[in-house]
Structures are given as C-alpha cells and as structure tokens.
Amino acid sequence: MNNSPKLFRRLFQLTIALLLLSANGIGDEATIRIDCTCQTKKNPSWCEINVGDFAEHTYVVGGFRKPGEPLRDGELATFCKRHADAICQCDDVKRFKGTIRQ
C-alpha cells in the first residue's frame, strides 16, 4: 500500500494547525512581576496566638498578564500565598499581600 497521500494530508493538517496556533498568539501574554509580602513568625503554631511578633518578608514572583481586569487585592494575596517562600510560616491568606510592579 502506498501511504504517501495519507502522510501528505496529515502533514498538511499539522502545518495548518500550527499556523493557526501561532496566529492566535498563544504564549504571547506579557510577563509581570508581583511584589509579595507575608507576615510571618518563627513558629507556625504562633501565627494565630499572641506569641512573638510578626515579621514581614518580601519576595518577587513572575507571572503572565492575562486579559481582562487587573487582579484585586484579595486575588493578589491568594496568588502570593500560593507562591509563598518557605520563610512564610503563617498559612492564613490575610497574612499575604501583593502589588503588581509597574
């Protein structure tokens, strides 16, 4: 059997699909940097009780700017919590905040 026509048709379909994907700009989102801050204590069990003082730790997380409205404060806090450094001992989202670097 001669599979050349089927192979040619498959290669043509693949080429068209790749051209459509590149024309749609997939992966072309602008990058952003988010300055995140967490309030932390030396021991995670101290986070919800009145033992020790909170210290602030700042770290930077890279991401992609998605179309639509910019992230609100609560969404930035959740983003920062999800990407927290190991130094951030407290788990409550209220201990996190973030700002988008301009």
PDB file of N, CA and C in Angstrom:
ATOM      1  N   MET A   1       0.827  -1.176   0.000  1.00  0.00           N
ATOM      2  CA  MET A   1       0.000   0.000   0.000  1.00  0.00           C
ATOM      3  C   MET A   1       0.867   1.234   0.000  1.00  0.00           C
ATOM      4  N   ASN A   2       0.377   2.235  -0.657  1.00  0.00           N
ATOM      5  CA  ASN A   2       1.088   3.499  -0.737  1.00  0.00           C
ATOM      6  C   ASN A   2       0.438   4.488   0.238  1.00  0.00           C
ATOM      7  N   ASN A   3       1.164   4.852   1.299  1.00  0.00           N
ATOM      8  CA  ASN A   3       0.643   5.747   2.323  1.00  0.00           C
ATOM      9  C   ASN A   3       1.021   7.202   2.076  1.00  0.00           C
ATOM     10  N   SER A   4       1.637   7.511   0.965  1.00  0.00           N
ATOM     11  CA  SER A   4       2.097   8.878   0.700  1.00  0.00           C
ATOM     12  C   SER A   4       0.973   9.901   0.736  1.00  0.00           C
ATOM     13  N   PRO A   5      -0.194   9.659   0.095  1.00  0.00           N
ATOM     14  CA  PRO A   5      -1.253  10.665   0.162  1.00  0.00           C
ATOM     15  C   PRO A   5      -1.750  10.898   1.599  1.00  0.00           C
ATOM     16  N   LYS A   6      -1.878   9.827   2.382  1.00  0.00           N
ATOM     17  CA  LYS A   6      -2.320   9.989   3.765  1.00  0.00           C
ATOM     18  C   LYS A   6      -1.282  10.753   4.579  1.00  0.00           C
ATOM     19  N   LEU A   7      -0.011  10.433   4.396  1.00  0.00           N
ATOM     20  CA  LEU A   7       1.053  11.112   5.111  1.00  0.00           C
ATOM     21  C   LEU A   7       1.100  12.588   4.726  1.00  0.00           C
ATOM     22  N   PHE A   8       0.974  12.878   3.445  1.00  0.00           N
ATOM     23  CA  PHE A   8       0.981  14.262   2.975  1.00  0.00           C
ATOM     24  C   PHE A   8      -0.203  15.034   3.567  1.00  0.00           C
ATOM     25  N   ARG A   9      -1.384  14.430   3.555  1.00  0.00           N
ATOM     26  CA  ARG A   9      -2.575  15.076   4.105  1.00  0.00           C
ATOM     27  C   ARG A   9      -2.394  15.344   5.601  1.00  0.00           C
ATOM     28  N   ARG A  10      -1.819  14.384   6.352  1.00  0.00           N
ATOM     29  CA  ARG A  10      -1.592  14.555   7.790  1.00  0.00           C
ATOM     30  C   ARG A  10      -0.587  15.682   8.049  1.00  0.00           C
ATOM     31  N   LEU A  11       0.488  15.726   7.277  1.00  0.00           N
ATOM     32  CA  LEU A  11       1.479  16.793   7.428  1.00  0.00           C
ATOM     33  C   LEU A  11       0.872  18.160   7.103  1.00  0.00           C
ATOM     34  N   PHE A  12       0.026  18.203   6.088  1.00  0.00           N
ATOM     35  CA  PHE A  12      -0.636  19.453   5.719  1.00  0.00           C
ATOM     36  C   PHE A  12      -1.557  19.921   6.849  1.00  0.00           C
ATOM     37  N   GLN A  13      -2.331  18.992   7.434  1.00  0.00           N
ATOM     38  CA  GLN A  13      -3.223  19.335   8.545  1.00  0.00           C
ATOM     39  C   GLN A  13      -2.428  19.826   9.752  1.00  0.00           C
ATOM     40  N   LEU A  14      -1.323  19.173  10.042  1.00  0.00           N
ATOM     41  CA  LEU A  14      -0.483  19.583  11.151  1.00  0.00           C
ATOM     42  C   LEU A  14       0.101  20.975  10.917  1.00  0.00           C
ATOM     43  N   THR A  15       0.524  21.248   9.718  1.00  0.00           N
ATOM     44  CA  THR A  15       1.069  22.568   9.376  1.00  0.00           C
ATOM     45  C   THR A  15       0.010  23.654   9.542  1.00  0.00           C
ATOM     46  N   ILE A  16      -1.194  23.392   9.077  1.00  0.00           N
ATOM     47  CA  ILE A  16      -2.288  24.358   9.224  1.00  0.00           C
ATOM     48  C   ILE A  16      -2.589  24.594  10.701  1.00  0.00           C
ATOM     49  N   ALA A  17      -2.630  23.527  11.487  1.00  0.00           N
ATOM     50  CA  ALA A  17      -2.909  23.663  12.922  1.00  0.00           C
ATOM     51  C   ALA A  17      -1.836  24.499  13.608  1.00  0.00           C
ATOM     52  N   LEU A  18      -0.587  24.275  13.277  1.00  0.00           N
ATOM     53  CA  LEU A  18       0.496  25.064  13.866  1.00  0.00           C
ATOM     54  C   LEU A  18       0.415  26.527  13.453  1.00  0.00           C
ATOM     55  N   LEU A  19       0.061  26.786  12.221  1.00  0.00           N
ATOM     56  CA  LEU A  19      -0.095  28.171  11.768  1.00  0.00           C
ATOM     57  C   LEU A  19      -1.237  28.865  12.508  1.00  0.00           C
ATOM     58  N   LEU A  20      -2.339  28.163  12.720  1.00  0.00           N
ATOM     59  CA  LEU A  20      -3.466  28.750  13.448  1.00  0.00           C
ATOM     60  C   LEU A  20      -3.098  29.033  14.896  1.00  0.00           C
ATOM     61  N   LEU A  21      -2.381  28.127  15.529  1.00  0.00           N
ATOM     62  CA  LEU A  21      -1.970  28.351  16.908  1.00  0.00           C
ATOM     63  C   LEU A  21      -1.045  29.558  17.029  1.00  0.00           C
ATOM     64  N   SER A  22      -0.102  29.686  16.112  1.00  0.00           N
ATOM     65  CA  SER A  22       0.825  30.817  16.190  1.00  0.00           C
ATOM     66  C   SER A  22       0.122  32.127  15.847  1.00  0.00           C
ATOM     67  N   ALA A  23      -0.890  32.084  15.012  1.00  0.00           N
ATOM     68  CA  ALA A  23      -1.624  33.304  14.663  1.00  0.00           C
ATOM     69  C   ALA A  23      -2.483  33.786  15.823  1.00  0.00           C
ATOM     70  N   ASN A  24      -2.931  32.874  16.681  1.00  0.00           N
ATOM     71  CA  ASN A  24      -3.761  33.243  17.824  1.00  0.00           C
ATOM     72  C   ASN A  24      -2.961  33.838  18.958  1.00  0.00           C
ATOM     73  N   GLY A  25      -1.653  33.796  18.888  1.00  0.00           N
ATOM     74  CA  GLY A  25      -0.818  34.412  19.904  1.00  0.00           C
ATOM     75  C   GLY A  25      -0.755  33.627  21.202  1.00  0.00           C
ATOM     76  N   ILE A  26      -0.920  32.345  21.142  1.00  0.00           N
ATOM     77  CA  ILE A  26      -0.843  31.539  22.353  1.00  0.00           C
ATOM     78  C   ILE A  26       0.580  31.627  22.889  1.00  0.00           C
ATOM     79  N   GLY A  27       0.711  31.945  24.146  1.00  0.00           N
ATOM     80  CA  GLY A  27       2.023  32.079  24.753  1.00  0.00           C
ATOM     81  C   GLY A  27       2.615  33.468  24.598  1.00  0.00           C
ATOM     82  N   ASP A  28       1.842  34.406  24.040  1.00  0.00           N
ATOM     83  CA  ASP A  28       2.349  35.758  23.835  1.00  0.00           C
ATOM     84  C   ASP A  28       1.926  36.726  24.926  1.00  0.00           C
ATOM     85  N   GLU A  29       1.417  36.208  26.066  1.00  0.00           N
ATOM     86  CA  GLU A  29       0.982  37.092  27.140  1.00  0.00           C
ATOM     87  C   GLU A  29       2.187  37.853  27.688  1.00  0.00           C
ATOM     88  N   ALA A  30       1.951  39.097  28.057  1.00  0.00           N
ATOM     89  CA  ALA A  30       3.021  39.903  28.634  1.00  0.00           C
ATOM     90  C   ALA A  30       3.357  39.366  30.021  1.00  0.00           C
ATOM     91  N   THR A  31       4.627  39.412  30.359  1.00  0.00           N
ATOM     92  CA  THR A  31       5.028  38.965  31.685  1.00  0.00           C
ATOM     93  C   THR A  31       4.876  40.109  32.683  1.00  0.00           C
ATOM     94  N   ILE A  32       4.632  39.744  33.925  1.00  0.00           N
ATOM     95  CA  ILE A  32       4.531  40.722  35.005  1.00  0.00           C
ATOM     96  C   ILE A  32       5.346  40.227  36.185  1.00  0.00           C
ATOM     97  N   ARG A  33       5.679  41.140  37.067  1.00  0.00           N
ATOM     98  CA  ARG A  33       6.364  40.820  38.318  1.00  0.00           C
ATOM     99  C   ARG A  33       5.460  41.281  39.452  1.00  0.00           C
ATOM    100  N   ILE A  34       5.277  40.453  40.430  1.00  0.00           N
ATOM    101  CA  ILE A  34       4.439  40.789  41.573  1.00  0.00           C
ATOM    102  C   ILE A  34       5.307  40.794  42.826  1.00  0.00           C
ATOM    103  N   ASP A  35       5.306  41.928  43.507  1.00  0.00           N
ATOM    104  CA  ASP A  35       5.994  42.048  44.789  1.00  0.00           C
ATOM    105  C   ASP A  35       5.050  41.514  45.864  1.00  0.00           C
ATOM    106  N   CYS A  36       5.424  40.420  46.487  1.00  0.00           N
ATOM    107  CA  CYS A  36       4.605  39.791  47.510  1.00  0.00           C
ATOM    108  C   CYS A  36       5.225  40.023  48.885  1.00  0.00           C
ATOM    109  N   THR A  37       4.360  40.128  49.872  1.00  0.00           N
ATOM    110  CA  THR A  37       4.788  40.277  51.259  1.00  0.00           C
ATOM    111  C   THR A  37       3.970  39.330  52.120  1.00  0.00           C
ATOM    112  N   CYS A  38       4.644  38.659  53.033  1.00  0.00           N
ATOM    113  CA  CYS A  38       3.932  37.829  54.004  1.00  0.00           C
ATOM    114  C   CYS A  38       4.331  38.268  55.404  1.00  0.00           C
ATOM    115  N   GLN A  39       3.375  38.167  56.307  1.00  0.00           N
ATOM    116  CA  GLN A  39       3.650  38.360  57.726  1.00  0.00           C
ATOM    117  C   GLN A  39       3.904  36.976  58.297  1.00  0.00           C
ATOM    118  N   THR A  40       5.022  36.835  58.997  1.00  0.00           N
ATOM    119  CA  THR A  40       5.396  35.513  59.471  1.00  0.00           C
ATOM    120  C   THR A  40       5.927  35.576  60.895  1.00  0.00           C
ATOM    121  N   LYS A  41       5.949  34.435  61.525  1.00  0.00           N
ATOM    122  CA  LYS A  41       6.542  34.275  62.850  1.00  0.00           C
ATOM    123  C   LYS A  41       7.542  33.130  62.793  1.00  0.00           C
ATOM    124  N   LYS A  42       8.336  32.993  63.831  1.00  0.00           N
ATOM    125  CA  LYS A  42       9.373  31.959  63.849  1.00  0.00           C
ATOM    126  C   LYS A  42       8.788  30.548  63.864  1.00  0.00           C
ATOM    127  N   ASN A  43       7.608  30.407  64.408  1.00  0.00           N
ATOM    128  CA  ASN A  43       6.995  29.096  64.536  1.00  0.00           C
ATOM    129  C   ASN A  43       5.568  29.169  63.983  1.00  0.00           C
ATOM    130  N   PRO A  44       5.183  28.276  63.082  1.00  0.00           N
ATOM    131  CA  PRO A  44       3.831  28.335  62.502  1.00  0.00           C
ATOM    132  C   PRO A  44       2.718  28.245  63.541  1.00  0.00           C
ATOM    133  N   SER A  45       2.967  27.574  64.645  1.00  0.00           N
ATOM    134  CA  SER A  45       1.915  27.456  65.662  1.00  0.00           C
ATOM    135  C   SER A  45       1.680  28.775  66.387  1.00  0.00           C
ATOM    136  N   TRP A  46       2.558  29.747  66.235  1.00  0.00           N
ATOM    137  CA  TRP A  46       2.409  31.052  66.867  1.00  0.00           C
ATOM    138  C   TRP A  46       1.574  32.008  66.027  1.00  0.00           C
ATOM    139  N   CYS A  47       1.246  31.647  64.818  1.00  0.00           N
ATOM    140  CA  CYS A  47       0.605  32.587  63.881  1.00  0.00           C
ATOM    141  C   CYS A  47      -0.755  33.080  64.350  1.00  0.00           C
ATOM    142  N   GLU A  48      -1.512  32.254  65.026  1.00  0.00           N
ATOM    143  CA  GLU A  48      -2.863  32.627  65.426  1.00  0.00           C
ATOM    144  C   GLU A  48      -2.988  32.933  66.916  1.00  0.00           C
ATOM    145  N   ILE A  49      -1.861  32.906  67.610  1.00  0.00           N
ATOM    146  CA  ILE A  49      -1.911  33.237  69.033  1.00  0.00           C
ATOM    147  C   ILE A  49      -0.966  34.398  69.312  1.00  0.00           C
ATOM    148  N   ASN A  50      -1.071  34.958  70.481  1.00  0.00           N
ATOM    149  CA  ASN A  50      -0.319  36.149  70.831  1.00  0.00           C
ATOM    150  C   ASN A  50       1.057  35.778  71.392  1.00  0.00           C
ATOM    151  N   VAL A  51       1.851  35.084  70.600  1.00  0.00           N
ATOM    152  CA  VAL A  51       3.213  34.733  70.981  1.00  0.00           C
ATOM    153  C   VAL A  51       4.144  35.224  69.881  1.00  0.00           C
ATOM    154  N   GLY A  52       5.114  36.026  70.253  1.00  0.00           N
ATOM    155  CA  GLY A  52       6.068  36.534  69.279  1.00  0.00           C
ATOM    156  C   GLY A  52       5.475  37.602  68.395  1.00  0.00           C
ATOM    157  N   ASP A  53       6.351  38.362  67.757  1.00  0.00           N
ATOM    158  CA  ASP A  53       5.935  39.434  66.858  1.00  0.00           C
ATOM    159  C   ASP A  53       5.981  38.961  65.414  1.00  0.00           C
ATOM    160  N   PHE A  54       5.113  39.552  64.609  1.00  0.00           N
ATOM    161  CA  PHE A  54       5.146  39.264  63.174  1.00  0.00           C
ATOM    162  C   PHE A  54       6.328  39.984  62.544  1.00  0.00           C
ATOM    163  N   ALA A  55       6.958  39.327  61.611  1.00  0.00           N
ATOM    164  CA  ALA A  55       7.989  39.937  60.773  1.00  0.00           C
ATOM    165  C   ALA A  55       7.456  39.908  59.348  1.00  0.00           C
ATOM    166  N   GLU A  56       7.831  40.900  58.554  1.00  0.00           N
ATOM    167  CA  GLU A  56       7.405  40.916  57.145  1.00  0.00           C
ATOM    168  C   GLU A  56       8.540  40.406  56.275  1.00  0.00           C
ATOM    169  N   HIS A  57       8.171  39.557  55.350  1.00  0.00           N
ATOM    170  CA  HIS A  57       9.122  39.010  54.376  1.00  0.00           C
ATOM    171  C   HIS A  57       8.613  39.352  52.983  1.00  0.00           C
ATOM    172  N   THR A  58       9.481  39.899  52.155  1.00  0.00           N
ATOM    173  CA  THR A  58       9.111  40.291  50.793  1.00  0.00           C
ATOM    174  C   THR A  58       9.817  39.382  49.789  1.00  0.00           C
ATOM    175  N   TYR A  59       9.086  38.981  48.760  1.00  0.00           N
ATOM    176  CA  TYR A  59       9.633  38.155  47.689  1.00  0.00           C
ATOM    177  C   TYR A  59       8.943  38.524  46.386  1.00  0.00           C
ATOM    178  N   VAL A  60       9.567  38.200  45.275  1.00  0.00           N
ATOM    179  CA  VAL A  60       9.057  38.569  43.953  1.00  0.00           C
ATOM    180  C   VAL A  60       8.674  37.303  43.199  1.00  0.00           C
ATOM    181  N   VAL A  61       7.499  37.348  42.560  1.00  0.00           N
ATOM    182  CA  VAL A  61       7.004  36.214  41.778  1.00  0.00           C
ATOM    183  C   VAL A  61       6.727  36.698  40.357  1.00  0.00           C
ATOM    184  N   GLY A  62       7.157  35.949  39.377  1.00  0.00           N
ATOM    185  CA  GLY A  62       6.868  36.265  37.981  1.00  0.00           C
ATOM    186  C   GLY A  62       5.601  35.568  37.542  1.00  0.00           C
ATOM    187  N   GLY A  63       4.934  36.152  36.580  1.00  0.00           N
ATOM    188  CA  GLY A  63       3.713  35.561  36.058  1.00  0.00           C
ATOM    189  C   GLY A  63       3.384  36.148  34.706  1.00  0.00           C
ATOM    190  N   PHE A  64       2.190  35.865  34.224  1.00  0.00           N
ATOM    191  CA  PHE A  64       1.738  36.366  32.934  1.00  0.00           C
ATOM    192  C   PHE A  64       0.514  37.235  33.126  1.00  0.00           C
ATOM    193  N   ARG A  65       0.490  38.364  32.445  1.00  0.00           N
ATOM    194  CA  ARG A  65      -0.671  39.256  32.478  1.00  0.00           C
ATOM    195  C   ARG A  65      -1.745  38.646  31.593  1.00  0.00           C
ATOM    196  N   LYS A  66      -2.865  38.353  32.188  1.00  0.00           N
ATOM    197  CA  LYS A  66      -3.993  37.779  31.453  1.00  0.00           C
ATOM    198  C   LYS A  66      -4.926  38.900  31.008  1.00  0.00           C
ATOM    199  N   PRO A  67      -5.663  38.686  29.942  1.00  0.00           N
ATOM    200  CA  PRO A  67      -6.614  39.711  29.503  1.00  0.00           C
ATOM    201  C   PRO A  67      -7.710  39.914  30.538  1.00  0.00           C
ATOM    202  N   GLY A  68      -8.255  41.091  30.562  1.00  0.00           N
ATOM    203  CA  GLY A  68      -9.341  41.386  31.488  1.00  0.00           C
ATOM    204  C   GLY A  68      -8.909  42.356  32.556  1.00  0.00           C
ATOM    205  N   GLU A  69      -9.694  42.384  33.624  1.00  0.00           N
ATOM    206  CA  GLU A  69      -9.445  43.311  34.727  1.00  0.00           C
ATOM    207  C   GLU A  69      -8.167  42.922  35.469  1.00  0.00           C
ATOM    208  N   PRO A  70      -7.456  43.918  36.016  1.00  0.00           N
ATOM    209  CA  PRO A  70      -6.276  43.583  36.827  1.00  0.00           C
ATOM    210  C   PRO A  70      -6.695  42.879  38.115  1.00  0.00           C
ATOM    211  N   LEU A  71      -5.765  42.172  38.707  1.00  0.00           N
ATOM    212  CA  LEU A  71      -6.050  41.457  39.947  1.00  0.00           C
ATOM    213  C   LEU A  71      -6.366  42.432  41.071  1.00  0.00           C
ATOM    214  N   ARG A  72      -7.370  42.095  41.876  1.00  0.00           N
ATOM    215  CA  ARG A  72      -7.717  42.901  43.048  1.00  0.00           C
ATOM    216  C   ARG A  72      -6.850  42.451  44.224  1.00  0.00           C
ATOM    217  N   ASP A  73      -6.921  43.198  45.328  1.00  0.00           N
ATOM    218  CA  ASP A  73      -6.077  42.920  46.487  1.00  0.00           C
ATOM    219  C   ASP A  73      -6.231  41.492  46.999  1.00  0.00           C
ATOM    220  N   GLY A  74      -7.470  41.019  47.122  1.00  0.00           N
ATOM    221  CA  GLY A  74      -7.692  39.659  47.603  1.00  0.00           C
ATOM    222  C   GLY A  74      -7.114  38.603  46.667  1.00  0.00           C
ATOM    223  N   GLU A  75      -7.217  38.843  45.377  1.00  0.00           N
ATOM    224  CA  GLU A  75      -6.665  37.910  44.399  1.00  0.00           C
ATOM    225  C   GLU A  75      -5.143  37.923  44.441  1.00  0.00           C
ATOM    226  N   LEU A  76      -4.558  39.111  44.629  1.00  0.00           N
ATOM    227  CA  LEU A  76      -3.103  39.202  44.753  1.00  0.00           C
ATOM    228  C   LEU A  76      -2.628  38.477  46.007  1.00  0.00           C
ATOM    229  N   ALA A  77      -3.363  38.616  47.097  1.00  0.00           N
ATOM    230  CA  ALA A  77      -2.999  37.924  48.336  1.00  0.00           C
ATOM    231  C   ALA A  77      -3.037  36.409  48.135  1.00  0.00           C
ATOM    232  N   THR A  78      -4.068  35.918  47.471  1.00  0.00           N
ATOM    233  CA  THR A  78      -4.176  34.485  47.200  1.00  0.00           C
ATOM    234  C   THR A  78      -3.041  34.024  46.302  1.00  0.00           C
ATOM    235  N   PHE A  79      -2.717  34.816  45.265  1.00  0.00           N
ATOM    236  CA  PHE A  79      -1.603  34.492  44.367  1.00  0.00           C
ATOM    237  C   PHE A  79      -0.308  34.402  45.164  1.00  0.00           C
ATOM    238  N   CYS A  80      -0.064  35.388  46.028  1.00  0.00           N
ATOM    239  CA  CYS A  80       1.171  35.399  46.817  1.00  0.00           C
ATOM    240  C   CYS A  80       1.223  34.218  47.779  1.00  0.00           C
ATOM    241  N   LYS A  81       0.084  33.856  48.358  1.00  0.00           N
ATOM    242  CA  LYS A  81       0.047  32.702  49.261  1.00  0.00           C
ATOM    243  C   LYS A  81       0.399  31.421  48.510  1.00  0.00           C
ATOM    244  N   ARG A  82      -0.126  31.277  47.310  1.00  0.00           N
ATOM    245  CA  ARG A  82       0.148  30.074  46.507  1.00  0.00           C
ATOM    246  C   ARG A  82       1.614  29.968  46.116  1.00  0.00           C
ATOM    247  N   HIS A  83       2.291  31.107  46.005  1.00  0.00           N
ATOM    248  CA  HIS A  83       3.692  31.129  45.582  1.00  0.00           C
ATOM    249  C   HIS A  83       4.616  31.553  46.725  1.00  0.00           C
ATOM    250  N   ALA A  84       4.216  31.258  47.954  1.00  0.00           N
ATOM    251  CA  ALA A  84       4.962  31.720  49.122  1.00  0.00           C
ATOM    252  C   ALA A  84       6.337  31.073  49.221  1.00  0.00           C
ATOM    253  N   ASP A  85       7.285  31.864  49.727  1.00  0.00           N
ATOM    254  CA  ASP A  85       8.608  31.347  50.069  1.00  0.00           C
ATOM    255  C   ASP A  85       8.481  30.456  51.292  1.00  0.00           C
ATOM    256  N   ALA A  86       9.471  29.619  51.503  1.00  0.00           N
ATOM    257  CA  ALA A  86       9.473  28.743  52.671  1.00  0.00           C
ATOM    258  C   ALA A  86       9.527  29.533  53.978  1.00  0.00           C
ATOM    259  N   ILE A  87      10.009  30.753  53.930  1.00  0.00           N
ATOM    260  CA  ILE A  87      10.104  31.588  55.129  1.00  0.00           C
ATOM    261  C   ILE A  87       8.722  31.958  55.660  1.00  0.00           C
ATOM    262  N   CYS A  88       7.732  32.018  54.808  1.00  0.00           N
ATOM    263  CA  CYS A  88       6.371  32.396  55.216  1.00  0.00           C
ATOM    264  C   CYS A  88       5.750  31.246  56.002  1.00  0.00           C
ATOM    265  N   GLN A  89       5.716  31.385  57.318  1.00  0.00           N
ATOM    266  CA  GLN A  89       5.242  30.317  58.205  1.00  0.00           C
ATOM    267  C   GLN A  89       3.731  30.341  58.427  1.00  0.00           C
ATOM    268  N   CYS A  90       3.113  31.517  58.294  1.00  0.00           N
ATOM    269  CA  CYS A  90       1.682  31.643  58.584  1.00  0.00           C
ATOM    270  C   CYS A  90       0.872  31.326  57.333  1.00  0.00           C
ATOM    271  N   ASP A  91      -0.183  30.546  57.510  1.00  0.00           N
ATOM    272  CA  ASP A  91      -0.933  29.999  56.383  1.00  0.00           C
ATOM    273  C   ASP A  91      -2.164  30.814  55.995  1.00  0.00           C
ATOM    274  N   ASP A  92      -2.597  31.734  56.830  1.00  0.00           N
ATOM    275  CA  ASP A  92      -3.826  32.487  56.585  1.00  0.00           C
ATOM    276  C   ASP A  92      -3.600  33.524  55.479  1.00  0.00           C
ATOM    277  N   VAL A  93      -4.506  33.573  54.510  1.00  0.00           N
ATOM    278  CA  VAL A  93      -4.374  34.483  53.375  1.00  0.00           C
ATOM    279  C   VAL A  93      -4.345  35.950  53.825  1.00  0.00           C
ATOM    280  N   LYS A  94      -4.907  36.244  54.999  1.00  0.00           N
ATOM    281  CA  LYS A  94      -4.891  37.628  55.482  1.00  0.00           C
ATOM    282  C   LYS A  94      -3.474  38.079  55.826  1.00  0.00           C
ATOM    283  N   ARG A  95      -2.532  37.169  55.908  1.00  0.00           N
ATOM    284  CA  ARG A  95      -1.129  37.490  56.199  1.00  0.00           C
ATOM    285  C   ARG A  95      -0.319  37.765  54.935  1.00  0.00           C
ATOM    286  N   PHE A  96      -0.976  37.767  53.779  1.00  0.00           N
ATOM    287  CA  PHE A  96      -0.298  37.978  52.500  1.00  0.00           C
ATOM    288  C   PHE A  96      -0.858  39.201  51.786  1.00  0.00           C
ATOM    289  N   LYS A  97       0.007  39.860  51.022  1.00  0.00           N
ATOM    290  CA  LYS A  97      -0.447  40.942  50.141  1.00  0.00           C
ATOM    291  C   LYS A  97       0.516  41.019  48.965  1.00  0.00           C
ATOM    292  N   GLY A  98       0.058  41.657  47.921  1.00  0.00           N
ATOM    293  CA  GLY A  98       0.903  41.775  46.736  1.00  0.00           C
ATOM    294  C   GLY A  98       0.572  43.015  45.943  1.00  0.00           C
ATOM    295  N   THR A  99       1.555  43.478  45.205  1.00  0.00           N
ATOM    296  CA  THR A  99       1.367  44.604  44.282  1.00  0.00           C
ATOM    297  C   THR A  99       2.040  44.254  42.968  1.00  0.00           C
ATOM    298  N   ILE A 100       1.397  44.665  41.894  1.00  0.00           N
ATOM    299  CA  ILE A 100       1.962  44.424  40.567  1.00  0.00           C
ATOM    300  C   ILE A 100       2.974  45.509  40.281  1.00  0.00           C
ATOM    301  N   ARG A 101       4.165  45.098  39.923  1.00  0.00           N
ATOM    302  CA  ARG A 101       5.241  46.026  39.606  1.00  0.00           C
ATOM    303  C   ARG A 101       4.931  46.706  38.281  1.00  0.00           C
ATOM    304  N   GLN A 102       5.090  48.012  38.239  1.00  0.00           N
ATOM    305  CA  GLN A 102       4.813  48.753  37.001  1.00  0.00           C
ATOM    306  C   GLN A 102       6.009  48.810  36.093  1.00  0.00           C
TER     307      GLN A 102
END
